[in-house]
Amino acid sequence: MFFTRKKSEMVAVTEALPGRAETIPTAEHHFVNGRPLKGPFPEHLEVAMFGMGCFWGVERMFWTLDGVWMTAVGYAAGYTPNPTYREVCTGQTGHNEVVLVHYDPSVVSFEDLLKVFWEGHDPTQGMRQGNDVGTQYRSGIYVYDEEQRAAAERTRGEFAERLKAAGFGAVTTEIRDAPEFFYGEDYHQQYLAKNPGGYCGIGGTGVTCPIGTGA
């Protein structure tokens, strides 16, 4: 009976899997740029975290940007400490599939990252993205300071208006303080660079985000 709850409904904290104290092993280096996945990082870098559906394709969107120093996939915004991918997929951890981005703000701004976020997936689908259904595929921006929060909330409102005009439903993106990030397993890191033909079910709406357009 424990696993009969629909994967599209958030698990209660009292029913979440217990997890473990030990971290899950992951890659030592980024497969694409060769840098140490967990740092140390240059002091001038800033950090962002996004959930946009399947983290394989999301990570690729960000590692290709000039000014992005490091990307890593993992799990956040749930209850289970140090979850495995298998556990996250049950819907019993509450976690979202997310991408952690370390970036140089003198080259690429947080608003530049937000433009990729809004245009790179459909933020109106709730607990799913395309054919991928479950709480781990929800849309989320996890902010590290009040400036990031203000930009996330402002652009959510702006993009919501454009989506409504294009016939889409309400935006379901959650915006909250950045929770603890748990690195995903080695084989998930930069998955689509290792497996160019790999499936990933994310897709945008075709609506352009007004950030930086002057609109």
C-alpha atoms as a PDB file:
ATOM      1  CA  MET A   1       0.000   0.000   0.000  1.00  0.00           C
ATOM      2  CA  PHE A   2       2.990   2.317   0.599  1.00  0.00           C
ATOM      3  CA  PHE A   3       3.635   2.761  -3.120  1.00  0.00           C
ATOM      4  CA  THR A   4       0.027   3.192  -4.269  1.00  0.00           C
ATOM      5  CA  ARG A   5       0.131   6.995  -3.991  1.00  0.00           C
ATOM      6  CA  LYS A   6       0.158   8.671  -7.373  1.00  0.00           C
ATOM      7  CA  LYS A   7       3.630   9.842  -8.436  1.00  0.00           C
ATOM      8  CA  SER A   8       2.112  13.201  -9.380  1.00  0.00           C
ATOM      9  CA  GLU A   9       1.209  13.933  -5.746  1.00  0.00           C
ATOM     10  CA  MET A  10       3.820  15.153  -3.274  1.00  0.00           C
ATOM     11  CA  VAL A  11       4.651  12.657  -0.568  1.00  0.00           C
ATOM     12  CA  ALA A  12       4.164  13.772   3.027  1.00  0.00           C
ATOM     13  CA  VAL A  13       7.336  14.233   5.028  1.00  0.00           C
ATOM     14  CA  THR A  14       6.124  11.552   7.451  1.00  0.00           C
ATOM     15  CA  GLU A  15       5.839   9.039   4.598  1.00  0.00           C
ATOM     16  CA  ALA A  16       9.103   9.824   2.794  1.00  0.00           C
ATOM     17  CA  LEU A  17      11.830   7.228   2.454  1.00  0.00           C
ATOM     18  CA  PRO A  18      14.440   7.391   5.238  1.00  0.00           C
ATOM     19  CA  GLY A  19      17.505   7.717   3.006  1.00  0.00           C
ATOM     20  CA  ARG A  20      20.979   7.433   4.486  1.00  0.00           C
ATOM     21  CA  ALA A  21      23.754   9.421   6.140  1.00  0.00           C
ATOM     22  CA  GLU A  22      26.334   8.559   3.468  1.00  0.00           C
ATOM     23  CA  THR A  23      26.570  10.519   0.222  1.00  0.00           C
ATOM     24  CA  ILE A  24      25.924   8.693  -3.047  1.00  0.00           C
ATOM     25  CA  PRO A  25      29.109   8.197  -5.110  1.00  0.00           C
ATOM     26  CA  THR A  26      29.323  10.441  -8.147  1.00  0.00           C
ATOM     27  CA  ALA A  27      31.813  11.507 -10.825  1.00  0.00           C
ATOM     28  CA  GLU A  28      35.024  13.246  -9.831  1.00  0.00           C
ATOM     29  CA  HIS A  29      35.221  15.438 -12.951  1.00  0.00           C
ATOM     30  CA  HIS A  30      32.862  17.042 -15.438  1.00  0.00           C
ATOM     31  CA  PHE A  31      32.794  14.832 -18.522  1.00  0.00           C
ATOM     32  CA  VAL A  32      32.754  17.796 -20.928  1.00  0.00           C
ATOM     33  CA  ASN A  33      35.148  20.348 -19.436  1.00  0.00           C
ATOM     34  CA  GLY A  34      37.248  18.125 -17.155  1.00  0.00           C
ATOM     35  CA  ARG A  35      36.942  20.354 -14.090  1.00  0.00           C
ATOM     36  CA  PRO A  36      36.430  18.848 -10.611  1.00  0.00           C
ATOM     37  CA  LEU A  37      32.687  18.330 -10.266  1.00  0.00           C
ATOM     38  CA  LYS A  38      32.571  19.421  -6.622  1.00  0.00           C
ATOM     39  CA  GLY A  39      35.207  22.127  -6.857  1.00  0.00           C
ATOM     40  CA  PRO A  40      37.034  23.964  -5.464  1.00  0.00           C
ATOM     41  CA  PHE A  41      35.508  26.777  -7.490  1.00  0.00           C
ATOM     42  CA  PRO A  42      36.871  30.269  -8.212  1.00  0.00           C
ATOM     43  CA  GLU A  43      35.601  32.757  -5.639  1.00  0.00           C
ATOM     44  CA  HIS A  44      34.030  35.091  -8.189  1.00  0.00           C
ATOM     45  CA  LEU A  45      31.508  32.479  -9.366  1.00  0.00           C
ATOM     46  CA  GLU A  46      27.854  32.515  -8.373  1.00  0.00           C
ATOM     47  CA  VAL A  47      25.440  29.586  -8.051  1.00  0.00           C
ATOM     48  CA  ALA A  48      21.972  28.850  -9.440  1.00  0.00           C
ATOM     49  CA  MET A  49      19.693  25.820  -9.252  1.00  0.00           C
ATOM     50  CA  PHE A  50      16.843  24.871 -11.601  1.00  0.00           C
ATOM     51  CA  GLY A  51      14.308  22.082 -12.034  1.00  0.00           C
ATOM     52  CA  MET A  52      12.862  21.786 -15.544  1.00  0.00           C
ATOM     53  CA  GLY A  53      12.032  18.121 -16.033  1.00  0.00           C
ATOM     54  CA  CYS A  54      14.502  15.403 -17.031  1.00  0.00           C
ATOM     55  CA  PHE A  55      17.834  16.689 -15.790  1.00  0.00           C
ATOM     56  CA  TRP A  56      19.835  15.140 -18.633  1.00  0.00           C
ATOM     57  CA  GLY A  57      18.631  17.636 -21.229  1.00  0.00           C
ATOM     58  CA  VAL A  58      18.427  20.516 -18.776  1.00  0.00           C
ATOM     59  CA  GLU A  59      22.088  20.171 -17.874  1.00  0.00           C
ATOM     60  CA  ARG A  60      23.109  20.263 -21.534  1.00  0.00           C
ATOM     61  CA  MET A  61      21.249  23.550 -22.010  1.00  0.00           C
ATOM     62  CA  PHE A  62      23.426  25.172 -19.360  1.00  0.00           C
ATOM     63  CA  TRP A  63      26.858  23.645 -19.906  1.00  0.00           C
ATOM     64  CA  THR A  64      26.874  25.011 -23.459  1.00  0.00           C
ATOM     65  CA  LEU A  65      26.549  28.639 -22.293  1.00  0.00           C
ATOM     66  CA  ASP A  66      29.556  30.948 -22.269  1.00  0.00           C
ATOM     67  CA  GLY A  67      30.314  31.886 -18.679  1.00  0.00           C
ATOM     68  CA  VAL A  68      29.026  28.656 -17.143  1.00  0.00           C
ATOM     69  CA  TRP A  69      31.939  27.110 -15.256  1.00  0.00           C
ATOM     70  CA  MET A  70      30.340  23.944 -13.929  1.00  0.00           C
ATOM     71  CA  THR A  71      27.079  22.024 -14.098  1.00  0.00           C
ATOM     72  CA  ALA A  72      25.992  18.989 -12.119  1.00  0.00           C
ATOM     73  CA  VAL A  73      22.747  17.059 -11.860  1.00  0.00           C
ATOM     74  CA  GLY A  74      21.190  15.933  -8.642  1.00  0.00           C
ATOM     75  CA  TYR A  75      18.196  15.961  -6.346  1.00  0.00           C
ATOM     76  CA  ALA A  76      16.757  18.750  -4.192  1.00  0.00           C
ATOM     77  CA  ALA A  77      13.605  20.166  -2.595  1.00  0.00           C
ATOM     78  CA  GLY A  78      12.526  16.878  -1.028  1.00  0.00           C
ATOM     79  CA  TYR A  79      12.819  15.116   2.301  1.00  0.00           C
ATOM     80  CA  THR A  80      15.009  12.036   1.923  1.00  0.00           C
ATOM     81  CA  PRO A  81      18.717  12.571   2.719  1.00  0.00           C
ATOM     82  CA  ASN A  82      21.172  11.321   0.085  1.00  0.00           C
ATOM     83  CA  PRO A  83      18.554   9.693  -2.144  1.00  0.00           C
ATOM     84  CA  THR A  84      19.328   7.368  -5.028  1.00  0.00           C
ATOM     85  CA  TYR A  85      17.838   7.860  -8.485  1.00  0.00           C
ATOM     86  CA  ARG A  86      15.771   4.707  -8.013  1.00  0.00           C
ATOM     87  CA  GLU A  87      14.309   6.128  -4.809  1.00  0.00           C
ATOM     88  CA  VAL A  88      13.558   9.508  -6.382  1.00  0.00           C
ATOM     89  CA  CYS A  89      11.737   7.760  -9.230  1.00  0.00           C
ATOM     90  CA  THR A  90       9.314   6.139  -6.776  1.00  0.00           C
ATOM     91  CA  GLY A  91       7.954   9.569  -5.852  1.00  0.00           C
ATOM     92  CA  GLN A  92       8.582   8.733  -2.199  1.00  0.00           C
ATOM     93  CA  THR A  93      11.423  11.196  -1.545  1.00  0.00           C
ATOM     94  CA  GLY A  94       9.754  14.469  -2.570  1.00  0.00           C
ATOM     95  CA  HIS A  95      12.846  15.483  -4.520  1.00  0.00           C
ATOM     96  CA  ASN A  96      12.997  17.276  -7.827  1.00  0.00           C
ATOM     97  CA  GLU A  97      15.536  16.497 -10.557  1.00  0.00           C
ATOM     98  CA  VAL A  98      17.653  19.649 -10.632  1.00  0.00           C
ATOM     99  CA  VAL A  99      20.763  21.129 -12.198  1.00  0.00           C
ATOM    100  CA  LEU A 100      23.309  23.061 -10.146  1.00  0.00           C
ATOM    101  CA  VAL A 101      25.045  25.800 -12.146  1.00  0.00           C
ATOM    102  CA  HIS A 102      28.229  27.642 -11.161  1.00  0.00           C
ATOM    103  CA  TYR A 103      28.619  30.660 -13.427  1.00  0.00           C
ATOM    104  CA  ASP A 104      30.679  33.797 -13.950  1.00  0.00           C
ATOM    105  CA  PRO A 105      28.286  36.768 -13.559  1.00  0.00           C
ATOM    106  CA  SER A 106      30.638  39.010 -15.555  1.00  0.00           C
ATOM    107  CA  VAL A 107      30.014  36.795 -18.601  1.00  0.00           C
ATOM    108  CA  VAL A 108      26.518  35.398 -18.136  1.00  0.00           C
ATOM    109  CA  SER A 109      23.934  36.942 -15.824  1.00  0.00           C
ATOM    110  CA  PHE A 110      21.318  35.231 -13.680  1.00  0.00           C
ATOM    111  CA  GLU A 111      18.684  36.737 -15.973  1.00  0.00           C
ATOM    112  CA  ASP A 112      20.438  35.095 -18.933  1.00  0.00           C
ATOM    113  CA  LEU A 113      20.072  31.782 -17.108  1.00  0.00           C
ATOM    114  CA  LEU A 114      16.424  32.544 -16.399  1.00  0.00           C
ATOM    115  CA  LYS A 115      15.786  33.087 -20.101  1.00  0.00           C
ATOM    116  CA  VAL A 116      17.119  29.578 -20.781  1.00  0.00           C
ATOM    117  CA  PHE A 117      14.977  28.280 -17.934  1.00  0.00           C
ATOM    118  CA  TRP A 118      11.691  29.799 -19.101  1.00  0.00           C
ATOM    119  CA  GLU A 119      12.169  29.022 -22.786  1.00  0.00           C
ATOM    120  CA  GLY A 120      13.641  25.560 -22.259  1.00  0.00           C
ATOM    121  CA  HIS A 121      10.591  23.791 -20.830  1.00  0.00           C
ATOM    122  CA  ASP A 122       6.837  24.136 -20.335  1.00  0.00           C
ATOM    123  CA  PRO A 123       6.318  25.624 -16.855  1.00  0.00           C
ATOM    124  CA  THR A 124       2.533  25.097 -16.951  1.00  0.00           C
ATOM    125  CA  GLN A 125       2.448  21.303 -16.675  1.00  0.00           C
ATOM    126  CA  GLY A 126       2.559  20.815 -12.922  1.00  0.00           C
ATOM    127  CA  MET A 127       4.079  17.521 -11.819  1.00  0.00           C
ATOM    128  CA  ARG A 128       5.244  16.501 -15.270  1.00  0.00           C
ATOM    129  CA  GLN A 129       7.196  17.533 -18.337  1.00  0.00           C
ATOM    130  CA  GLY A 130       6.006  16.021 -21.580  1.00  0.00           C
ATOM    131  CA  ASN A 131       5.693  12.259 -21.213  1.00  0.00           C
ATOM    132  CA  ASP A 132       7.679  12.283 -17.967  1.00  0.00           C
ATOM    133  CA  VAL A 133       5.181  12.267 -15.110  1.00  0.00           C
ATOM    134  CA  GLY A 134       5.997  12.652 -11.432  1.00  0.00           C
ATOM    135  CA  THR A 135       6.915  15.143  -8.740  1.00  0.00           C
ATOM    136  CA  GLN A 136      10.588  14.864  -9.748  1.00  0.00           C
ATOM    137  CA  TYR A 137       9.783  16.638 -13.041  1.00  0.00           C
ATOM    138  CA  ARG A 138       8.196  19.780 -11.605  1.00  0.00           C
ATOM    139  CA  SER A 139       9.289  23.258 -12.568  1.00  0.00           C
ATOM    140  CA  GLY A 140      11.330  25.062  -9.938  1.00  0.00           C
ATOM    141  CA  ILE A 141      13.769  27.903  -9.344  1.00  0.00           C
ATOM    142  CA  TYR A 142      15.753  27.569  -6.129  1.00  0.00           C
ATOM    143  CA  VAL A 143      17.253  30.915  -5.182  1.00  0.00           C
ATOM    144  CA  TYR A 144      20.406  31.767  -3.242  1.00  0.00           C
ATOM    145  CA  ASP A 145      19.669  35.390  -2.382  1.00  0.00           C
ATOM    146  CA  GLU A 146      16.996  38.063  -2.548  1.00  0.00           C
ATOM    147  CA  GLU A 147      18.228  39.376  -5.896  1.00  0.00           C
ATOM    148  CA  GLN A 148      17.722  35.971  -7.465  1.00  0.00           C
ATOM    149  CA  ARG A 149      14.288  35.711  -5.856  1.00  0.00           C
ATOM    150  CA  ALA A 150      13.217  39.113  -7.161  1.00  0.00           C
ATOM    151  CA  ALA A 151      14.379  38.279 -10.699  1.00  0.00           C
ATOM    152  CA  ALA A 152      12.715  34.861 -10.601  1.00  0.00           C
ATOM    153  CA  GLU A 153       9.387  36.246  -9.395  1.00  0.00           C
ATOM    154  CA  ARG A 154       9.407  39.176 -11.819  1.00  0.00           C
ATOM    155  CA  THR A 155      10.175  37.022 -14.844  1.00  0.00           C
ATOM    156  CA  ARG A 156       7.620  34.424 -13.777  1.00  0.00           C
ATOM    157  CA  GLY A 157       4.962  37.112 -13.918  1.00  0.00           C
ATOM    158  CA  GLU A 158       6.164  38.460 -17.242  1.00  0.00           C
ATOM    159  CA  PHE A 159       6.374  35.055 -18.876  1.00  0.00           C
ATOM    160  CA  ALA A 160       3.010  33.990 -17.444  1.00  0.00           C
ATOM    161  CA  GLU A 161       1.362  36.856 -19.298  1.00  0.00           C
ATOM    162  CA  ARG A 162       2.905  35.762 -22.592  1.00  0.00           C
ATOM    163  CA  LEU A 163       1.920  32.149 -22.021  1.00  0.00           C
ATOM    164  CA  LYS A 164      -1.658  33.138 -21.229  1.00  0.00           C
ATOM    165  CA  ALA A 165      -1.836  35.201 -24.410  1.00  0.00           C
ATOM    166  CA  ALA A 166      -0.590  32.151 -26.340  1.00  0.00           C
ATOM    167  CA  GLY A 167      -3.309  29.945 -24.871  1.00  0.00           C
ATOM    168  CA  PHE A 168      -1.353  28.150 -22.170  1.00  0.00           C
ATOM    169  CA  GLY A 169      -2.525  27.549 -18.624  1.00  0.00           C
ATOM    170  CA  ALA A 170      -1.203  28.955 -15.367  1.00  0.00           C
ATOM    171  CA  VAL A 171       2.496  28.755 -14.525  1.00  0.00           C
ATOM    172  CA  THR A 172       3.172  26.145 -11.832  1.00  0.00           C
ATOM    173  CA  THR A 173       6.845  26.954 -11.212  1.00  0.00           C
ATOM    174  CA  GLU A 174       7.825  26.909  -7.547  1.00  0.00           C
ATOM    175  CA  ILE A 175      10.268  29.565  -6.348  1.00  0.00           C
ATOM    176  CA  ARG A 176      11.871  28.885  -2.976  1.00  0.00           C
ATOM    177  CA  ASP A 177      15.121  29.256  -1.095  1.00  0.00           C
ATOM    178  CA  ALA A 178      17.748  26.873  -2.394  1.00  0.00           C
ATOM    179  CA  PRO A 179      17.529  23.604  -0.451  1.00  0.00           C
ATOM    180  CA  GLU A 180      20.349  21.131   0.086  1.00  0.00           C
ATOM    181  CA  PHE A 181      21.648  19.699  -3.183  1.00  0.00           C
ATOM    182  CA  PHE A 182      22.415  15.982  -3.410  1.00  0.00           C
ATOM    183  CA  TYR A 183      24.662  14.991  -6.315  1.00  0.00           C
ATOM    184  CA  GLY A 184      23.231  12.405  -8.680  1.00  0.00           C
ATOM    185  CA  GLU A 185      25.053   9.230  -9.570  1.00  0.00           C
ATOM    186  CA  ASP A 186      28.115   9.185 -11.828  1.00  0.00           C
ATOM    187  CA  TYR A 187      26.273   7.927 -14.915  1.00  0.00           C
ATOM    188  CA  HIS A 188      23.739  10.777 -14.769  1.00  0.00           C
ATOM    189  CA  GLN A 189      26.380  13.512 -14.857  1.00  0.00           C
ATOM    190  CA  GLN A 190      26.593  15.015 -18.373  1.00  0.00           C
ATOM    191  CA  TYR A 191      24.549  12.042 -19.559  1.00  0.00           C
ATOM    192  CA  LEU A 192      23.789  13.375 -23.041  1.00  0.00           C
ATOM    193  CA  ALA A 193      27.477  14.027 -23.719  1.00  0.00           C
ATOM    194  CA  LYS A 194      28.211  10.395 -22.853  1.00  0.00           C
ATOM    195  CA  ASN A 195      25.090   9.156 -24.654  1.00  0.00           C
ATOM    196  CA  PRO A 196      24.290  11.572 -27.536  1.00  0.00           C
ATOM    197  CA  GLY A 197      21.259   9.546 -28.586  1.00  0.00           C
ATOM    198  CA  GLY A 198      19.770   9.451 -25.103  1.00  0.00           C
ATOM    199  CA  TYR A 199      16.099  10.266 -24.575  1.00  0.00           C
ATOM    200  CA  CYS A 200      15.013  13.357 -22.703  1.00  0.00           C
ATOM    201  CA  GLY A 201      11.384  14.460 -22.617  1.00  0.00           C
ATOM    202  CA  ILE A 202      11.702  18.191 -22.009  1.00  0.00           C
ATOM    203  CA  GLY A 203      10.481  20.761 -24.503  1.00  0.00           C
ATOM    204  CA  GLY A 204       9.664  24.443 -24.536  1.00  0.00           C
ATOM    205  CA  THR A 205       6.423  26.182 -25.374  1.00  0.00           C
ATOM    206  CA  GLY A 206       7.761  28.127 -28.319  1.00  0.00           C
ATOM    207  CA  VAL A 207       6.948  31.350 -26.461  1.00  0.00           C
ATOM    208  CA  THR A 208       9.811  33.823 -26.101  1.00  0.00           C
ATOM    209  CA  CYS A 209      10.670  35.113 -22.644  1.00  0.00           C
ATOM    210  CA  PRO A 210      10.828  38.943 -22.643  1.00  0.00           C
ATOM    211  CA  ILE A 211      14.076  39.077 -20.623  1.00  0.00           C
ATOM    212  CA  GLY A 212      16.563  41.307 -22.368  1.00  0.00           C
ATOM    213  CA  THR A 213      14.254  41.965 -25.327  1.00  0.00           C
ATOM    214  CA  GLY A 214      13.042  45.362 -24.201  1.00  0.00           C
ATOM    215  CA  ALA A 215       9.468  44.107 -24.447  1.00  0.00           C
END
